[in-house]
Amino acid sequence: MEQLGLQKSVSCMLVNALTEITYFGGSAEWTLAGISSFAGVQENSSAETHSVSQCIFTMSAINTFVAMWRFLLTLGPSAMIILLLNRGILEQRPDIVDEQHRVRSIHIEDLRESYDFIVIGGGSAGCVLAARLSENPEWSVLLLEAGGDEPLLIDLPQLYPVFQRSPWDWKYLTEPSDRYCLAMEDQRCFWPRAKVLGGCSSINAMMYIRGNRRDYDHWAELGNPGWNYANVLHYFRKLEDMRVPGFEHSPYHGHGGPISVERYRFPSPLLDIFMRAAQQLGMVNAEGDFNGRSQTGFAPPHGSLRDGLRCSANKGYIRRSWQRPNLDIVLKAFVERIVIDPQSHRAAGVIFEYGLLKHTVRASREVILSAGSLASPQLLMVSGVGPREQLEPLGIPVVQHLPGVGGNLQDHISTSGAIYTFDSGQDRHLSFIVPEMMNEQAVEDFVRGSDSFFYAMPVSEVMGFISTRYQDPRQDWPDVQIFMGSYGYGADGGMIGRRGAAITLDNYAEAFEPMIYQDSFVIAPLLMRPRSRGYLQLRSADPKVHPLIHANYYDDPHDMAVMVEGLKLAHRLTQTPVMQALNATMNIYEWRNCPEVEYLSDAFWECLARFYSQTIYHPVGTCKMAPASDPGGVVDPRLRVRGMRGLRVIDASVMPTIPTGNTNAPTLMLAERGADIIKEDWHHYRDGGWG
């Protein structure tokens, strides 16, 4: 009892400290905003250019200094809240601990010499494949994953950004550019990629969006039979357990599948305001379902959630299958190379590192590469399969020259900087102010099973799909997706949002520090079908050295034109009567990035897009699925690597074009169909059709 009392006292002190620091931070920010305003007056009235420049430099330094110290002062209390939450879950939330179903890696000494199938990568696709292939008790399956099992806190929707730039993230960065990510550290875009069982389904925002039916019909039109919408709809339904009321009899949805689908819990009051704004523009999705009859319009999104918590591919597929005697899983196993017979071009097995030792294991039927859009092409190349001009300079023997490996890189670039402040007109905030929400009371509510801030998904409480003037709306194939989020970069004091986006401290201090902890929201457009293409470039034969990522955002001018239109439409939402009643106002401090352009002009929106470019974690296409006539293709429509035997790639890297929407559900679908393709091939042909 004494220990419990001491813990409670410490908890109370931590909450009080957090409150005091929050007030101190707010006080400092008001002072800073006042000084900044004064500096602006001085700049306008001064006749001496040197004095103006000196004033600007001084204010920038002050802004950065204050922001840095506030980050440091809030870091400790925020960390303590996380520790309290973790302890509470251990003690009171057995549904999250889930000890009975938590995956356990086999002892390495129990590793077999050979398996029928080796799956490389326990991400979204790899979890599906390991579970589905091991349904055949006659097949032995080995799943190799470089990360470990999911930590407890990964279940909590609100905490998903915490796991970016963490030990559960590979922490990729794009190459510097003078055309995008200008507000980011070293002008590089930060690309999170999960290093954990479940892959990006374990660290993403859980948006359950399938894409547009025309996306898949287009795949088939490109020469990939069997990938049309009418065919893949079966697999979307198969993987799904739709729990949202009103969809019990929908022909577009499934029930009882591994991935449960729900609405996010604990919305902010802004959700209804967002929907009223969309309604006032006549842009509401009639069914409230982007995965049904029509994708166009606005609605609260569905999420891959189970009882309000994350439903990852690990939770959905592996926890219910890992104890099968024919399925072995090795966690923290880093695959270094695929073993390929240079004469027959057959994938014979893999070499992987576990601990400090290297292990070789053979595959009697197939090696299946499911390491994701960055690691899958890299592993192909270090194993000798890829563009000759990349492999030979690094001393990698070329087994199969495939120029398309690492090319065709596509991603959904967004503009995350369109932040708006508003007046709530009430005693309480309408948006989420993180220090007020993430406290001991929220922890207690959550561990007791009550509604809590930790169930929230503020980044996109309402989502929209719209067609700009560059896309025919009659096709119902929107070219822009919009996130309407119930907090801006100032809502968490920069502790998570700024860090996750890799915005520099200087830029944050200049553009967002003046609006710290004020009611705000973000409207972020995403470019759905970019014409620009990037590529990966090996810089070492060592698979542990990240490849160079040339994202090439906005290489095609059409992409920027669409983004500008998306930003202008987003701004129109803030001019609706319901928004104007709240005095919704664009954060004027972002104009500091490009003071020479006219405010709210096309050039202003382009400036915003180039400074606050942010991936939405959807890289695809680097092992393109294509017919033999396409020189850039890597796998055929049966997902077999060209010129190889016993080797397939099954993950988002094979997508020929990026779907219209978030890519996790399409990746799960792709793996479901890939598993069926493998079963069909080995059922109909003694050699699996490789002859």
Foldseek 3Di string as FASTA:
>chain_A
DVVVVVVVVVQVVLLVLLVVLVVVLVVVLQVLLVLVVVLVVCLVPDPDPVVNVVSVVVSLVVLLVSLVVSLVSNVVSLVVLVVLLLVLCVVFPCVLVVVVLFDDADDPVPDDQEFQEEEEAQALLSLLQLQLLVVPVVGFYEYEAQAEAARSLLFFLVCLLVCFVHPQWLWDWADADPFFQQLFDSNIWTFTWGRHRLIVLSRANQFDAQFDQVLQVVVVVQPQPQRHSVNLLVLLQQQEAEDEPPCPPAPSHHRDHLFYKYAFPDDFLCLVLLVVLQVLVVFADPVLACRHDFNFGKHFTIGRHDLLTRRGSCNRRVSVGVPSPSYGYHYSKAWWAFDADLPAQARFWTWIDDDHDIDTHGHPAFYEYAHDQFLRLLRCLLHQEEAPVQNVVQPRHHSHYADQFFWQKDFWKKQWQFKWFFAPVDPDARFAQPSVFSGPVLSVCVSNPHDGPSSDSQFARMKGFAAFPVDDVVVSNGQKIKGKGRDGCQRDSVNRPCVSRNRDSSLCSQQPSSCHNGGMITIMMIGFFDPDMWGWGAPHSGSSDGTHTGNCPCVDVVSLVVNLRSVLVSVSSCVRPSNVVRVIGTRPSLCVQPVPDDPPDSVSSSSSRRNRIHTSNAIEASQAEHDPVDSSHQAHSLQAGPPHGNYGYQFRHHSNTGGRDHCSSVSSSSSVVNSVSQVVQVVVDVSSPRD
